[in-house]
Structures are given as C-alpha cells and as structure tokens.
C-alpha cells in the first residue's frame, strides 16, 4: 500500500509526500501522479521520508526520475544511486 499527499507550494511547484511500500503494484500509481504534474510544467519535489519498503521496481522507478524531479529524504535502506 502506498500513501501519496500532494502539496501545491505555488502555481509551479508541488511536493509529493510518499509513504508506505513502493513496489511493482504501487509504482504505476505514483508514476501517474508525477506525470500529471510534470506534463503540466510544474517543478516536482518527491519526499520519500515515509517510505517503509522499496523493491527493485520501486528503486528503478525513482532512479529513472532522477534529474526530472527533486528527491528529498530517501531512507538510508533505499540505496538509490548505488548498484545492487
């Protein structure tokens, strides 16, 4: 299960707080939310502070977003930008 909260900081900037499990079943949900804001031209900040577990698919998705969105507060266990 994934929990997503969107906070519009201004017309052009959104923070997306993500909590719970980021896996094969929840990645498409988060992708739709991110794509909707990116396609509208907003700057997106993804706050991963409350993620409790991430699978390989979740890690690959977040790595693919690197450079497109800002990534804040990834839990140490995510190892987002290391091999393995």
Protein backbone atom coordinates (compact mmCIF):
# COMPACT_ATOMS: atom_id res chain seq x y z
CA UNK A 1 0.00 0.00 0.00
CA UNK A 2 1.18 3.49 -0.84
CA UNK A 3 0.17 6.82 0.64
CA UNK A 4 0.53 9.94 -1.51
CA UNK A 5 -0.12 13.52 -0.41
CA UNK A 6 0.26 16.42 -2.80
CA UNK A 7 1.09 19.91 -1.53
CA UNK A 8 0.98 22.77 -4.01
CA UNK A 9 3.67 25.21 -2.87
CA UNK A 10 2.87 27.73 -5.60
CA UNK A 11 1.45 27.65 -9.14
CA UNK A 12 4.56 25.98 -10.48
CA UNK A 13 5.85 23.83 -7.62
CA UNK A 14 4.41 20.72 -5.98
CA UNK A 15 5.69 18.49 -3.19
CA UNK A 16 4.57 14.87 -3.30
CA UNK A 17 4.91 13.07 0.04
CA UNK A 18 5.18 9.31 -0.40
CA UNK A 19 4.71 6.74 2.36
CA UNK A 20 4.35 3.00 2.65
CA UNK A 21 5.60 0.41 0.19
CA UNK A 22 6.93 1.33 -3.25
CA UNK A 23 6.74 -1.83 -5.34
CA UNK A 24 5.56 -3.19 -8.69
CA UNK A 25 1.92 -2.63 -7.76
CA UNK A 26 2.28 0.91 -6.46
CA UNK A 27 4.81 2.35 -8.94
CA UNK A 28 2.12 2.94 -11.62
CA UNK A 29 0.06 4.99 -9.14
CA UNK A 30 2.99 7.22 -8.23
CA UNK A 31 4.02 7.46 -11.89
CA UNK A 32 0.57 8.80 -12.86
CA UNK A 33 0.73 11.45 -10.13
CA UNK A 34 4.26 12.52 -11.09
CA UNK A 35 3.49 12.53 -14.83
CA UNK A 36 0.39 14.65 -14.35
CA UNK A 37 2.41 17.38 -12.64
CA UNK A 38 5.47 17.10 -14.89
CA UNK A 39 3.28 17.30 -18.01
CA UNK A 40 1.71 20.49 -16.69
CA UNK A 41 5.17 22.04 -16.39
CA UNK A 42 5.40 22.03 -12.61
CA UNK A 43 8.59 21.54 -10.64
CA UNK A 44 8.13 18.35 -8.62
CA UNK A 45 9.76 17.51 -5.29
CA UNK A 46 9.32 13.88 -4.24
CA UNK A 47 9.58 13.46 -0.46
CA UNK A 48 10.33 9.80 0.33
CA UNK A 49 10.71 10.20 4.07
CA UNK A 50 7.80 7.88 4.97
CA UNK A 51 8.61 5.04 2.58
CA UNK A 52 8.87 1.88 4.69
CA UNK A 53 9.94 -0.60 1.99
CA UNK A 54 11.08 -0.42 -1.62
CA UNK A 55 11.54 -3.23 -4.13
CA UNK A 56 13.83 -3.33 -7.14
CA UNK A 57 11.00 -1.97 -9.34
CA UNK A 58 10.40 0.92 -6.96
CA UNK A 59 14.10 1.74 -6.78
CA UNK A 60 14.41 1.66 -10.59
CA UNK A 61 11.42 3.98 -10.94
CA UNK A 62 12.85 6.53 -8.51
CA UNK A 63 16.27 6.31 -10.17
CA UNK A 64 14.62 6.98 -13.55
CA UNK A 65 13.04 10.13 -12.09
CA UNK A 66 16.43 11.47 -11.03
CA UNK A 67 17.04 14.68 -12.94
CA UNK A 68 13.33 15.12 -13.72
CA UNK A 69 12.19 15.69 -10.13
CA UNK A 70 13.83 16.67 -6.88
CA UNK A 71 14.19 13.76 -4.47
CA UNK A 72 14.17 14.52 -0.76
CA UNK A 73 14.64 12.42 2.36
CA UNK A 74 15.19 8.96 0.88
CA UNK A 75 15.52 6.41 3.70
CA UNK A 76 19.04 5.01 4.01
CA UNK A 77 17.88 1.50 3.08
CA UNK A 78 16.90 2.68 -0.41
CA UNK A 79 20.47 2.93 -1.75
CA UNK A 80 19.02 4.81 -4.71
CA UNK A 81 22.17 5.68 -6.55
CA UNK A 82 24.34 2.65 -5.86
CA UNK A 83 24.46 -0.63 -7.74
CA UNK A 84 22.83 -3.61 -6.11
